[in-house]
Amino acid sequence: IGRTGRAGSTGEAISLVCADEVDQLAAIENLTQQLIKRVDEPDFIPDHRVPLTAVGGQVLKKPKKPKQKLIPGAGAAKSGGRGNIHLGRWFEEEDAKPKAKAVRKVPSFGSKPKGGKK
């Protein structure tokens, strides 16, 4: 905030704010109970925009887009009626055994070891 406005002086204060400083900006707005005007300079366009804030110190976040469901028929309207998603043979082979052999045996707790070292 600086020294602008002290002892009845007038002037203009300019602050540069990065997106990772939005919490500090919200705290200043909460303290002053005023929203600070934001101006993007044409030669200094940010890579990451500072999120909007509200008086009271809240950082307003954009609503998240709903995730697409990966279920058969979910995209039927958009994809021209096809609607089935190919999942390979994942669900067709219910009794299929794993194709890879176990690297080590699973320990059996509470029983005596079978034919190991004495």
PDB file of N, CA and C in Angstrom:
ATOM      1  N   ILE A   1       0.844  -1.177   0.000  1.00  0.00           N
ATOM      2  CA  ILE A   1       0.000   0.000   0.000  1.00  0.00           C
ATOM      3  C   ILE A   1       0.887   1.238   0.000  1.00  0.00           C
ATOM      4  N   GLY A   2       1.963   1.224   0.689  1.00  0.00           N
ATOM      5  CA  GLY A   2       2.938   2.300   0.616  1.00  0.00           C
ATOM      6  C   GLY A   2       2.543   3.555   1.371  1.00  0.00           C
ATOM      7  N   ARG A   3       3.146   4.684   0.988  1.00  0.00           N
ATOM      8  CA  ARG A   3       2.976   5.934   1.724  1.00  0.00           C
ATOM      9  C   ARG A   3       1.930   6.851   1.101  1.00  0.00           C
ATOM     10  N   THR A   4       1.332   6.481   0.002  1.00  0.00           N
ATOM     11  CA  THR A   4       0.338   7.336  -0.643  1.00  0.00           C
ATOM     12  C   THR A   4      -0.846   7.544   0.283  1.00  0.00           C
ATOM     13  N   GLY A   5      -1.272   8.771   0.448  1.00  0.00           N
ATOM     14  CA  GLY A   5      -2.441   9.071   1.267  1.00  0.00           C
ATOM     15  C   GLY A   5      -2.126   9.340   2.718  1.00  0.00           C
ATOM     16  N   ARG A   6      -0.872   9.355   3.113  1.00  0.00           N
ATOM     17  CA  ARG A   6      -0.529   9.649   4.506  1.00  0.00           C
ATOM     18  C   ARG A   6      -0.577  11.150   4.759  1.00  0.00           C
ATOM     19  N   ALA A   7      -0.989  11.505   5.926  1.00  0.00           N
ATOM     20  CA  ALA A   7      -1.040  12.907   6.372  1.00  0.00           C
ATOM     21  C   ALA A   7      -1.825  13.779   5.406  1.00  0.00           C
ATOM     22  N   GLY A   8      -2.884  13.212   4.815  1.00  0.00           N
ATOM     23  CA  GLY A   8      -3.747  13.989   3.940  1.00  0.00           C
ATOM     24  C   GLY A   8      -3.220  14.175   2.535  1.00  0.00           C
ATOM     25  N   SER A   9      -2.089  13.582   2.207  1.00  0.00           N
ATOM     26  CA  SER A   9      -1.547  13.704   0.853  1.00  0.00           C
ATOM     27  C   SER A   9      -2.397  12.903  -0.123  1.00  0.00           C
ATOM     28  N   THR A  10      -2.349  13.300  -1.357  1.00  0.00           N
ATOM     29  CA  THR A  10      -3.057  12.558  -2.399  1.00  0.00           C
ATOM     30  C   THR A  10      -2.032  12.004  -3.363  1.00  0.00           C
ATOM     31  N   GLY A  11      -2.444  11.034  -4.108  1.00  0.00           N
ATOM     32  CA  GLY A  11      -1.542  10.437  -5.079  1.00  0.00           C
ATOM     33  C   GLY A  11      -2.106   9.125  -5.579  1.00  0.00           C
ATOM     34  N   GLU A  12      -1.297   8.406  -6.287  1.00  0.00           N
ATOM     35  CA  GLU A  12      -1.723   7.136  -6.863  1.00  0.00           C
ATOM     36  C   GLU A  12      -0.701   6.073  -6.501  1.00  0.00           C
ATOM     37  N   ALA A  13      -1.175   4.959  -5.985  1.00  0.00           N
ATOM     38  CA  ALA A  13      -0.291   3.843  -5.645  1.00  0.00           C
ATOM     39  C   ALA A  13      -0.445   2.769  -6.708  1.00  0.00           C
ATOM     40  N   ILE A  14       0.657   2.226  -7.154  1.00  0.00           N
ATOM     41  CA  ILE A  14       0.647   1.162  -8.154  1.00  0.00           C
ATOM     42  C   ILE A  14       1.384  -0.025  -7.557  1.00  0.00           C
ATOM     43  N   SER A  15       0.760  -1.180  -7.619  1.00  0.00           N
ATOM     44  CA  SER A  15       1.382  -2.407  -7.127  1.00  0.00           C
ATOM     45  C   SER A  15       1.354  -3.447  -8.231  1.00  0.00           C
ATOM     46  N   LEU A  16       2.414  -4.207  -8.339  1.00  0.00           N
ATOM     47  CA  LEU A  16       2.462  -5.327  -9.268  1.00  0.00           C
ATOM     48  C   LEU A  16       2.151  -6.582  -8.476  1.00  0.00           C
ATOM     49  N   VAL A  17       1.241  -7.389  -8.993  1.00  0.00           N
ATOM     50  CA  VAL A  17       0.805  -8.585  -8.271  1.00  0.00           C
ATOM     51  C   VAL A  17       0.942  -9.796  -9.182  1.00  0.00           C
ATOM     52  N   CYS A  18       1.551 -10.849  -8.659  1.00  0.00           N
ATOM     53  CA  CYS A  18       1.647 -12.125  -9.371  1.00  0.00           C
ATOM     54  C   CYS A  18       0.503 -13.027  -8.925  1.00  0.00           C
ATOM     55  N   ALA A  19       0.220 -14.035  -9.726  1.00  0.00           N
ATOM     56  CA  ALA A  19      -0.879 -14.953  -9.412  1.00  0.00           C
ATOM     57  C   ALA A  19      -0.659 -15.662  -8.082  1.00  0.00           C
ATOM     58  N   ASP A  20       0.592 -15.942  -7.712  1.00  0.00           N
ATOM     59  CA  ASP A  20       0.842 -16.636  -6.446  1.00  0.00           C
ATOM     60  C   ASP A  20       0.724 -15.713  -5.237  1.00  0.00           C
ATOM     61  N   GLU A  21       0.481 -14.424  -5.461  1.00  0.00           N
ATOM     62  CA  GLU A  21       0.317 -13.466  -4.369  1.00  0.00           C
ATOM     63  C   GLU A  21      -1.143 -13.090  -4.143  1.00  0.00           C
ATOM     64  N   VAL A  22      -2.068 -13.860  -4.699  1.00  0.00           N
ATOM     65  CA  VAL A  22      -3.490 -13.517  -4.613  1.00  0.00           C
ATOM     66  C   VAL A  22      -3.986 -13.507  -3.170  1.00  0.00           C
ATOM     67  N   ASP A  23      -3.431 -14.343  -2.305  1.00  0.00           N
ATOM     68  CA  ASP A  23      -3.864 -14.360  -0.905  1.00  0.00           C
ATOM     69  C   ASP A  23      -3.492 -13.051  -0.199  1.00  0.00           C
ATOM     70  N   GLN A  24      -2.301 -12.513  -0.498  1.00  0.00           N
ATOM     71  CA  GLN A  24      -1.903 -11.239   0.091  1.00  0.00           C
ATOM     72  C   GLN A  24      -2.784 -10.104  -0.440  1.00  0.00           C
ATOM     73  N   LEU A  25      -3.113 -10.142  -1.733  1.00  0.00           N
ATOM     74  CA  LEU A  25      -3.997  -9.135  -2.320  1.00  0.00           C
ATOM     75  C   LEU A  25      -5.371  -9.186  -1.659  1.00  0.00           C
ATOM     76  N   ALA A  26      -5.895 -10.385  -1.454  1.00  0.00           N
ATOM     77  CA  ALA A  26      -7.201 -10.541  -0.799  1.00  0.00           C
ATOM     78  C   ALA A  26      -7.153 -10.019   0.634  1.00  0.00           C
ATOM     79  N   ALA A  27      -6.026 -10.212   1.325  1.00  0.00           N
ATOM     80  CA  ALA A  27      -5.896  -9.716   2.702  1.00  0.00           C
ATOM     81  C   ALA A  27      -5.907  -8.186   2.734  1.00  0.00           C
ATOM     82  N   ILE A  28      -5.253  -7.551   1.766  1.00  0.00           N
ATOM     83  CA  ILE A  28      -5.253  -6.083   1.692  1.00  0.00           C
ATOM     84  C   ILE A  28      -6.664  -5.580   1.408  1.00  0.00           C
ATOM     85  N   GLU A  29      -7.358  -6.230   0.469  1.00  0.00           N
ATOM     86  CA  GLU A  29      -8.728  -5.823   0.143  1.00  0.00           C
ATOM     87  C   GLU A  29      -9.652  -6.017   1.342  1.00  0.00           C
ATOM     88  N   ASN A  30      -9.412  -7.055   2.112  1.00  0.00           N
ATOM     89  CA  ASN A  30     -10.208  -7.298   3.313  1.00  0.00           C
ATOM     90  C   ASN A  30      -9.945  -6.207   4.356  1.00  0.00           C
ATOM     91  N   LEU A  31      -8.696  -5.841   4.541  1.00  0.00           N
ATOM     92  CA  LEU A  31      -8.328  -4.814   5.519  1.00  0.00           C
ATOM     93  C   LEU A  31      -8.926  -3.451   5.157  1.00  0.00           C
ATOM     94  N   THR A  32      -8.856  -3.100   3.874  1.00  0.00           N
ATOM     95  CA  THR A  32      -9.357  -1.793   3.431  1.00  0.00           C
ATOM     96  C   THR A  32     -10.843  -1.814   3.093  1.00  0.00           C
ATOM     97  N   GLN A  33     -11.433  -3.008   3.034  1.00  0.00           N
ATOM     98  CA  GLN A  33     -12.837  -3.182   2.641  1.00  0.00           C
ATOM     99  C   GLN A  33     -13.121  -2.547   1.276  1.00  0.00           C
ATOM    100  N   GLN A  34     -12.152  -2.650   0.376  1.00  0.00           N
ATOM    101  CA  GLN A  34     -12.288  -2.129  -0.989  1.00  0.00           C
ATOM    102  C   GLN A  34     -11.665  -3.119  -1.957  1.00  0.00           C
ATOM    103  N   LEU A  35     -12.294  -3.278  -3.113  1.00  0.00           N
ATOM    104  CA  LEU A  35     -11.674  -4.062  -4.173  1.00  0.00           C
ATOM    105  C   LEU A  35     -10.686  -3.168  -4.908  1.00  0.00           C
ATOM    106  N   ILE A  36      -9.507  -3.694  -5.152  1.00  0.00           N
ATOM    107  CA  ILE A  36      -8.471  -2.924  -5.836  1.00  0.00           C
ATOM    108  C   ILE A  36      -8.659  -3.099  -7.340  1.00  0.00           C
ATOM    109  N   LYS A  37      -8.662  -1.979  -8.063  1.00  0.00           N
ATOM    110  CA  LYS A  37      -8.828  -1.997  -9.517  1.00  0.00           C
ATOM    111  C   LYS A  37      -7.626  -2.700 -10.143  1.00  0.00           C
ATOM    112  N   ARG A  38      -7.902  -3.552 -11.095  1.00  0.00           N
ATOM    113  CA  ARG A  38      -6.832  -4.291 -11.770  1.00  0.00           C
ATOM    114  C   ARG A  38      -6.714  -3.808 -13.202  1.00  0.00           C
ATOM    115  N   VAL A  39      -5.503  -3.580 -13.611  1.00  0.00           N
ATOM    116  CA  VAL A  39      -5.240  -3.113 -14.967  1.00  0.00           C
ATOM    117  C   VAL A  39      -4.102  -3.952 -15.538  1.00  0.00           C
ATOM    118  N   ASP A  40      -4.322  -4.531 -16.708  1.00  0.00           N
ATOM    119  CA  ASP A  40      -3.254  -5.246 -17.403  1.00  0.00           C
ATOM    120  C   ASP A  40      -2.597  -4.278 -18.379  1.00  0.00           C
ATOM    121  N   GLU A  41      -1.298  -4.152 -18.281  1.00  0.00           N
ATOM    122  CA  GLU A  41      -0.557  -3.299 -19.200  1.00  0.00           C
ATOM    123  C   GLU A  41      -0.332  -4.069 -20.499  1.00  0.00           C
ATOM    124  N   PRO A  42      -0.509  -3.416 -21.652  1.00  0.00           N
ATOM    125  CA  PRO A  42      -0.389  -4.114 -22.938  1.00  0.00           C
ATOM    126  C   PRO A  42       0.965  -4.789 -23.149  1.00  0.00           C
ATOM    127  N   ASP A  43       2.038  -4.189 -22.679  1.00  0.00           N
ATOM    128  CA  ASP A  43       3.366  -4.771 -22.885  1.00  0.00           C
ATOM    129  C   ASP A  43       3.739  -5.804 -21.827  1.00  0.00           C
ATOM    130  N   PHE A  44       2.896  -5.974 -20.819  1.00  0.00           N
ATOM    131  CA  PHE A  44       3.197  -6.891 -19.720  1.00  0.00           C
ATOM    132  C   PHE A  44       2.018  -7.828 -19.475  1.00  0.00           C
ATOM    133  N   ILE A  45       1.650  -8.595 -20.481  1.00  0.00           N
ATOM    134  CA  ILE A  45       0.523  -9.519 -20.356  1.00  0.00           C
ATOM    135  C   ILE A  45       0.988 -10.719 -19.526  1.00  0.00           C
ATOM    136  N   PRO A  46       0.267 -11.038 -18.444  1.00  0.00           N
ATOM    137  CA  PRO A  46       0.711 -12.127 -17.557  1.00  0.00           C
ATOM    138  C   PRO A  46       0.497 -13.511 -18.173  1.00  0.00           C
ATOM    139  N   ASP A  47       1.391 -14.431 -17.816  1.00  0.00           N
ATOM    140  CA  ASP A  47       1.217 -15.829 -18.214  1.00  0.00           C
ATOM    141  C   ASP A  47       0.109 -16.470 -17.388  1.00  0.00           C
ATOM    142  N   HIS A  48       0.043 -16.115 -16.115  1.00  0.00           N
ATOM    143  CA  HIS A  48      -0.966 -16.654 -15.198  1.00  0.00           C
ATOM    144  C   HIS A  48      -1.743 -15.485 -14.618  1.00  0.00           C
ATOM    145  N   ARG A  49      -3.010 -15.424 -14.914  1.00  0.00           N
ATOM    146  CA  ARG A  49      -3.843 -14.318 -14.426  1.00  0.00           C
ATOM    147  C   ARG A  49      -4.091 -14.454 -12.928  1.00  0.00           C
ATOM    148  N   VAL A  50      -4.196 -13.318 -12.253  1.00  0.00           N
ATOM    149  CA  VAL A  50      -4.508 -13.290 -10.827  1.00  0.00           C
ATOM    150  C   VAL A  50      -5.999 -13.579 -10.679  1.00  0.00           C
ATOM    151  N   PRO A  51      -6.384 -14.569  -9.874  1.00  0.00           N
ATOM    152  CA  PRO A  51      -7.809 -14.874  -9.695  1.00  0.00           C
ATOM    153  C   PRO A  51      -8.568 -13.682  -9.121  1.00  0.00           C
ATOM    154  N   LEU A  52      -9.862 -13.626  -9.391  1.00  0.00           N
ATOM    155  CA  LEU A  52     -10.701 -12.561  -8.852  1.00  0.00           C
ATOM    156  C   LEU A  52     -10.864 -12.747  -7.353  1.00  0.00           C
ATOM    157  N   THR A  53     -11.089 -11.635  -6.660  1.00  0.00           N
ATOM    158  CA  THR A  53     -11.295 -11.667  -5.217  1.00  0.00           C
ATOM    159  C   THR A  53     -12.569 -10.911  -4.888  1.00  0.00           C
ATOM    160  N   ALA A  54     -13.060 -11.091  -3.670  1.00  0.00           N
ATOM    161  CA  ALA A  54     -14.247 -10.389  -3.191  1.00  0.00           C
ATOM    162  C   ALA A  54     -13.899  -9.700  -1.882  1.00  0.00           C
ATOM    163  N   VAL A  55     -14.618  -8.608  -1.578  1.00  0.00           N
ATOM    164  CA  VAL A  55     -14.408  -7.928  -0.300  1.00  0.00           C
ATOM    165  C   VAL A  55     -14.714  -8.937   0.800  1.00  0.00           C
ATOM    166  N   GLY A  56     -13.864  -9.017   1.765  1.00  0.00           N
ATOM    167  CA  GLY A  56     -14.016 -10.007   2.821  1.00  0.00           C
ATOM    168  C   GLY A  56     -12.881 -11.013   2.776  1.00  0.00           C
ATOM    169  N   GLY A  57     -12.001 -10.887   1.775  1.00  0.00           N
ATOM    170  CA  GLY A  57     -10.823 -11.741   1.715  1.00  0.00           C
ATOM    171  C   GLY A  57     -10.994 -13.046   0.971  1.00  0.00           C
ATOM    172  N   GLN A  58     -12.132 -13.247   0.310  1.00  0.00           N
ATOM    173  CA  GLN A  58     -12.326 -14.508  -0.407  1.00  0.00           C
ATOM    174  C   GLN A  58     -11.687 -14.436  -1.789  1.00  0.00           C
ATOM    175  N   VAL A  59     -11.035 -15.517  -2.163  1.00  0.00           N
ATOM    176  CA  VAL A  59     -10.504 -15.665  -3.512  1.00  0.00           C
ATOM    177  C   VAL A  59     -11.563 -16.425  -4.295  1.00  0.00           C
ATOM    178  N   LEU A  60     -12.069 -15.807  -5.359  1.00  0.00           N
ATOM    179  CA  LEU A  60     -13.108 -16.441  -6.167  1.00  0.00           C
ATOM    180  C   LEU A  60     -12.443 -17.340  -7.194  1.00  0.00           C
ATOM    181  N   LYS A  61     -12.827 -18.587  -7.192  1.00  0.00           N
ATOM    182  CA  LYS A  61     -12.240 -19.539  -8.121  1.00  0.00           C
ATOM    183  C   LYS A  61     -13.246 -19.846  -9.215  1.00  0.00           C
ATOM    184  N   LYS A  62     -12.726 -20.122 -10.397  1.00  0.00           N
ATOM    185  CA  LYS A  62     -13.600 -20.485 -11.501  1.00  0.00           C
ATOM    186  C   LYS A  62     -14.229 -21.837 -11.200  1.00  0.00           C
ATOM    187  N   PRO A  63     -15.483 -22.030 -11.574  1.00  0.00           N
ATOM    188  CA  PRO A  63     -16.080 -23.349 -11.366  1.00  0.00           C
ATOM    189  C   PRO A  63     -15.390 -24.371 -12.261  1.00  0.00           C
ATOM    190  N   LYS A  64     -15.154 -25.546 -11.707  1.00  0.00           N
ATOM    191  CA  LYS A  64     -14.484 -26.592 -12.468  1.00  0.00           C
ATOM    192  C   LYS A  64     -15.434 -27.157 -13.512  1.00  0.00           C
ATOM    193  N   LYS A  65     -14.864 -27.527 -14.648  1.00  0.00           N
ATOM    194  CA  LYS A  65     -15.661 -28.155 -15.693  1.00  0.00           C
ATOM    195  C   LYS A  65     -15.997 -29.570 -15.245  1.00  0.00           C
ATOM    196  N   PRO A  66     -17.207 -30.048 -15.544  1.00  0.00           N
ATOM    197  CA  PRO A  66     -17.542 -31.419 -15.157  1.00  0.00           C
ATOM    198  C   PRO A  66     -16.688 -32.411 -15.942  1.00  0.00           C
ATOM    199  N   LYS A  67     -16.248 -33.447 -15.254  1.00  0.00           N
ATOM    200  CA  LYS A  67     -15.432 -34.468 -15.895  1.00  0.00           C
ATOM    201  C   LYS A  67     -16.308 -35.328 -16.789  1.00  0.00           C
ATOM    202  N   GLN A  68     -15.732 -35.755 -17.905  1.00  0.00           N
ATOM    203  CA  GLN A  68     -16.473 -36.623 -18.812  1.00  0.00           C
ATOM    204  C   GLN A  68     -16.483 -38.029 -18.239  1.00  0.00           C
ATOM    205  N   LYS A  69     -17.625 -38.677 -18.340  1.00  0.00           N
ATOM    206  CA  LYS A  69     -17.746 -40.033 -17.830  1.00  0.00           C
ATOM    207  C   LYS A  69     -17.309 -41.012 -18.906  1.00  0.00           C
ATOM    208  N   LEU A  70     -16.560 -42.020 -18.506  1.00  0.00           N
ATOM    209  CA  LEU A  70     -16.114 -43.046 -19.442  1.00  0.00           C
ATOM    210  C   LEU A  70     -17.020 -44.263 -19.328  1.00  0.00           C
ATOM    211  N   ILE A  71     -18.245 -44.104 -19.750  1.00  0.00           N
ATOM    212  CA  ILE A  71     -19.195 -45.209 -19.723  1.00  0.00           C
ATOM    213  C   ILE A  71     -19.758 -45.395 -21.120  1.00  0.00           C
ATOM    214  N   PRO A  72     -20.169 -46.602 -21.464  1.00  0.00           N
ATOM    215  CA  PRO A  72     -20.744 -46.823 -22.787  1.00  0.00           C
ATOM    216  C   PRO A  72     -21.951 -45.924 -23.003  1.00  0.00           C
ATOM    217  N   GLY A  73     -21.995 -45.301 -24.163  1.00  0.00           N
ATOM    218  CA  GLY A  73     -23.120 -44.455 -24.512  1.00  0.00           C
ATOM    219  C   GLY A  73     -22.970 -43.019 -24.068  1.00  0.00           C
ATOM    220  N   ALA A  74     -21.894 -42.677 -23.372  1.00  0.00           N
ATOM    221  CA  ALA A  74     -21.746 -41.326 -22.833  1.00  0.00           C
ATOM    222  C   ALA A  74     -21.598 -40.287 -23.932  1.00  0.00           C
ATOM    223  N   GLY A  75     -20.931 -40.626 -25.013  1.00  0.00           N
ATOM    224  CA  GLY A  75     -20.718 -39.649 -26.067  1.00  0.00           C
ATOM    225  C   GLY A  75     -21.507 -39.936 -27.316  1.00  0.00           C
ATOM    226  N   ALA A  76     -22.601 -40.637 -27.195  1.00  0.00           N
ATOM    227  CA  ALA A  76     -23.359 -41.065 -28.363  1.00  0.00           C
ATOM    228  C   ALA A  76     -23.866 -39.896 -29.189  1.00  0.00           C
ATOM    229  N   ALA A  77     -24.326 -38.848 -28.552  1.00  0.00           N
ATOM    230  CA  ALA A  77     -24.897 -37.721 -29.289  1.00  0.00           C
ATOM    231  C   ALA A  77     -23.818 -36.977 -30.070  1.00  0.00           C
ATOM    232  N   LYS A  78     -22.658 -36.785 -29.479  1.00  0.00           N
ATOM    233  CA  LYS A  78     -21.592 -36.028 -30.128  1.00  0.00           C
ATOM    234  C   LYS A  78     -20.889 -36.842 -31.207  1.00  0.00           C
ATOM    235  N   SER A  79     -20.733 -38.151 -30.996  1.00  0.00           N
ATOM    236  CA  SER A  79     -19.938 -38.958 -31.901  1.00  0.00           C
ATOM    237  C   SER A  79     -20.757 -39.558 -33.036  1.00  0.00           C
ATOM    238  N   GLY A  80     -21.951 -39.080 -33.251  1.00  0.00           N
ATOM    239  CA  GLY A  80     -22.743 -39.579 -34.364  1.00  0.00           C
ATOM    240  C   GLY A  80     -23.438 -40.884 -34.053  1.00  0.00           C
ATOM    241  N   GLY A  81     -23.704 -41.181 -32.793  1.00  0.00           N
ATOM    242  CA  GLY A  81     -24.474 -42.357 -32.428  1.00  0.00           C
ATOM    243  C   GLY A  81     -23.656 -43.578 -32.084  1.00  0.00           C
ATOM    244  N   ARG A  82     -22.341 -43.525 -32.226  1.00  0.00           N
ATOM    245  CA  ARG A  82     -21.548 -44.725 -31.939  1.00  0.00           C
ATOM    246  C   ARG A  82     -21.587 -45.063 -30.459  1.00  0.00           C
ATOM    247  N   GLY A  83     -21.170 -44.207 -29.586  1.00  0.00           N
ATOM    248  CA  GLY A  83     -21.401 -44.307 -28.161  1.00  0.00           C
ATOM    249  C   GLY A  83     -20.715 -45.390 -27.361  1.00  0.00           C
ATOM    250  N   ASN A  84     -20.151 -46.429 -27.940  1.00  0.00           N
ATOM    251  CA  ASN A  84     -19.470 -47.455 -27.156  1.00  0.00           C
ATOM    252  C   ASN A  84     -17.979 -47.163 -27.131  1.00  0.00           C
ATOM    253  N   ILE A  85     -17.401 -47.307 -25.969  1.00  0.00           N
ATOM    254  CA  ILE A  85     -15.976 -47.069 -25.800  1.00  0.00           C
ATOM    255  C   ILE A  85     -15.289 -48.422 -25.742  1.00  0.00           C
ATOM    256  N   HIS A  86     -14.244 -48.600 -26.558  1.00  0.00           N
ATOM    257  CA  HIS A  86     -13.543 -49.873 -26.603  1.00  0.00           C
ATOM    258  C   HIS A  86     -12.643 -50.016 -25.386  1.00  0.00           C
ATOM    259  N   LEU A  87     -12.897 -51.030 -24.573  1.00  0.00           N
ATOM    260  CA  LEU A  87     -12.096 -51.285 -23.382  1.00  0.00           C
ATOM    261  C   LEU A  87     -11.273 -52.557 -23.524  1.00  0.00           C
ATOM    262  N   GLY A  88     -11.119 -53.035 -24.725  1.00  0.00           N
ATOM    263  CA  GLY A  88     -10.374 -54.262 -24.940  1.00  0.00           C
ATOM    264  C   GLY A  88     -11.150 -55.455 -24.415  1.00  0.00           C
ATOM    265  N   ARG A  89     -10.445 -56.456 -23.921  1.00  0.00           N
ATOM    266  CA  ARG A  89     -11.107 -57.642 -23.374  1.00  0.00           C
ATOM    267  C   ARG A  89     -11.089 -57.620 -21.856  1.00  0.00           C
ATOM    268  N   TRP A  90     -11.007 -56.466 -21.292  1.00  0.00           N
ATOM    269  CA  TRP A  90     -10.893 -56.304 -19.853  1.00  0.00           C
ATOM    270  C   TRP A  90     -12.046 -56.953 -19.106  1.00  0.00           C
ATOM    271  N   PHE A  91     -13.270 -56.721 -19.544  1.00  0.00           N
ATOM    272  CA  PHE A  91     -14.426 -57.232 -18.827  1.00  0.00           C
ATOM    273  C   PHE A  91     -14.924 -58.569 -19.371  1.00  0.00           C
ATOM    274  N   GLU A  92     -14.428 -58.986 -20.512  1.00  0.00           N
ATOM    275  CA  GLU A  92     -14.898 -60.227 -21.114  1.00  0.00           C
ATOM    276  C   GLU A  92     -14.287 -61.449 -20.441  1.00  0.00           C
ATOM    277  N   GLU A  93     -13.075 -61.345 -19.964  1.00  0.00           N
ATOM    278  CA  GLU A  93     -12.363 -62.480 -19.381  1.00  0.00           C
ATOM    279  C   GLU A  93     -12.449 -62.425 -17.862  1.00  0.00           C
ATOM    280  N   GLU A  94     -13.583 -62.805 -17.314  1.00  0.00           N
ATOM    281  CA  GLU A  94     -13.774 -62.722 -15.866  1.00  0.00           C
ATOM    282  C   GLU A  94     -12.889 -63.703 -15.108  1.00  0.00           C
ATOM    283  N   ASP A  95     -12.712 -64.910 -15.629  1.00  0.00           N
ATOM    284  CA  ASP A  95     -11.943 -65.936 -14.930  1.00  0.00           C
ATOM    285  C   ASP A  95     -10.500 -66.010 -15.420  1.00  0.00           C
ATOM    286  N   ALA A  96     -10.066 -65.043 -16.150  1.00  0.00           N
ATOM    287  CA  ALA A  96      -8.718 -65.083 -16.709  1.00  0.00           C
ATOM    288  C   ALA A  96      -7.681 -64.956 -15.599  1.00  0.00           C
ATOM    289  N   LYS A  97      -6.626 -65.756 -15.714  1.00  0.00           N
ATOM    290  CA  LYS A  97      -5.532 -65.701 -14.750  1.00  0.00           C
ATOM    291  C   LYS A  97      -4.536 -64.635 -15.201  1.00  0.00           C
ATOM    292  N   PRO A  98      -3.779 -64.077 -14.267  1.00  0.00           N
ATOM    293  CA  PRO A  98      -2.773 -63.089 -14.662  1.00  0.00           C
ATOM    294  C   PRO A  98      -1.753 -63.717 -15.594  1.00  0.00           C
ATOM    295  N   LYS A  99      -1.315 -62.964 -16.586  1.00  0.00           N
ATOM    296  CA  LYS A  99      -0.359 -63.486 -17.555  1.00  0.00           C
ATOM    297  C   LYS A  99       1.066 -63.455 -17.007  1.00  0.00           C
ATOM    298  N   ALA A 100       1.342 -62.626 -16.024  1.00  0.00           N
ATOM    299  CA  ALA A 100       2.675 -62.537 -15.441  1.00  0.00           C
ATOM    300  C   ALA A 100       2.765 -63.455 -14.228  1.00  0.00           C
ATOM    301  N   LYS A 101       3.933 -64.057 -14.042  1.00  0.00           N
ATOM    302  CA  LYS A 101       4.159 -64.933 -12.906  1.00  0.00           C
ATOM    303  C   LYS A 101       4.619 -64.097 -11.715  1.00  0.00           C
ATOM    304  N   ALA A 102       4.184 -64.456 -10.519  1.00  0.00           N
ATOM    305  CA  ALA A 102       4.553 -63.716  -9.314  1.00  0.00           C
ATOM    306  C   ALA A 102       6.060 -63.765  -9.108  1.00  0.00           C
ATOM    307  N   VAL A 103       6.647 -62.664  -8.707  1.00  0.00           N
ATOM    308  CA  VAL A 103       8.085 -62.580  -8.502  1.00  0.00           C
ATOM    309  C   VAL A 103       8.483 -63.262  -7.208  1.00  0.00           C
ATOM    310  N   ARG A 104       7.711 -63.074  -6.151  1.00  0.00           N
ATOM    311  CA  ARG A 104       8.002 -63.735  -4.888  1.00  0.00           C
ATOM    312  C   ARG A 104       6.703 -64.218  -4.274  1.00  0.00           C
ATOM    313  N   LYS A 105       6.840 -65.172  -3.393  1.00  0.00           N
ATOM    314  CA  LYS A 105       5.659 -65.756  -2.772  1.00  0.00           C
ATOM    315  C   LYS A 105       5.141 -64.846  -1.668  1.00  0.00           C
ATOM    316  N   VAL A 106       3.856 -64.874  -1.475  1.00  0.00           N
ATOM    317  CA  VAL A 106       3.214 -64.083  -0.437  1.00  0.00           C
ATOM    318  C   VAL A 106       3.436 -64.782   0.896  1.00  0.00           C
ATOM    319  N   PRO A 107       3.914 -64.070   1.938  1.00  0.00           N
ATOM    320  CA  PRO A 107       4.137 -64.717   3.232  1.00  0.00           C
ATOM    321  C   PRO A 107       2.814 -65.129   3.872  1.00  0.00           C
ATOM    322  N   SER A 108       2.860 -66.262   4.561  1.00  0.00           N
ATOM    323  CA  SER A 108       1.658 -66.708   5.279  1.00  0.00           C
ATOM    324  C   SER A 108       1.914 -66.470   6.761  1.00  0.00           C
ATOM    325  N   PHE A 109       1.184 -65.581   7.339  1.00  0.00           N
ATOM    326  CA  PHE A 109       1.369 -65.223   8.734  1.00  0.00           C
ATOM    327  C   PHE A 109       0.625 -66.209   9.629  1.00  0.00           C
ATOM    328  N   GLY A 110       1.257 -66.604  10.739  1.00  0.00           N
ATOM    329  CA  GLY A 110       0.601 -67.476  11.706  1.00  0.00           C
ATOM    330  C   GLY A 110       0.764 -68.957  11.426  1.00  0.00           C
ATOM    331  N   SER A 111       1.474 -69.329  10.395  1.00  0.00           N
ATOM    332  CA  SER A 111       1.689 -70.755  10.146  1.00  0.00           C
ATOM    333  C   SER A 111       3.189 -71.009  10.029  1.00  0.00           C
ATOM    334  N   LYS A 112       3.558 -72.284  10.134  1.00  0.00           N
ATOM    335  CA  LYS A 112       4.967 -72.643  10.073  1.00  0.00           C
ATOM    336  C   LYS A 112       5.453 -72.577   8.629  1.00  0.00           C
ATOM    337  N   PRO A 113       6.714 -72.163   8.432  1.00  0.00           N
ATOM    338  CA  PRO A 113       7.246 -72.115   7.069  1.00  0.00           C
ATOM    339  C   PRO A 113       7.296 -73.504   6.459  1.00  0.00           C
ATOM    340  N   LYS A 114       7.082 -73.575   5.173  1.00  0.00           N
ATOM    341  CA  LYS A 114       7.079 -74.851   4.459  1.00  0.00           C
ATOM    342  C   LYS A 114       8.471 -75.131   3.924  1.00  0.00           C
ATOM    343  N   GLY A 115       9.108 -76.159   4.411  1.00  0.00           N
ATOM    344  CA  GLY A 115      10.370 -76.669   3.889  1.00  0.00           C
ATOM    345  C   GLY A 115      11.449 -75.639   3.641  1.00  0.00           C
ATOM    346  N   GLY A 116      11.629 -74.717   4.504  1.00  0.00           N
ATOM    347  CA  GLY A 116      12.659 -73.692   4.337  1.00  0.00           C
ATOM    348  C   GLY A 116      13.911 -74.043   5.097  1.00  0.00           C
ATOM    349  N   LYS A 117      14.726 -73.076   5.389  1.00  0.00           N
ATOM    350  CA  LYS A 117      15.954 -73.281   6.155  1.00  0.00           C
ATOM    351  C   LYS A 117      15.614 -73.551   7.606  1.00  0.00           C
ATOM    352  N   LYS A 118      16.488 -74.347   8.263  1.00  0.00           N
ATOM    353  CA  LYS A 118      16.274 -74.669   9.677  1.00  0.00           C
ATOM    354  C   LYS A 118      17.196 -73.901  10.549  1.00  0.00           C
TER     355      LYS A 118
END
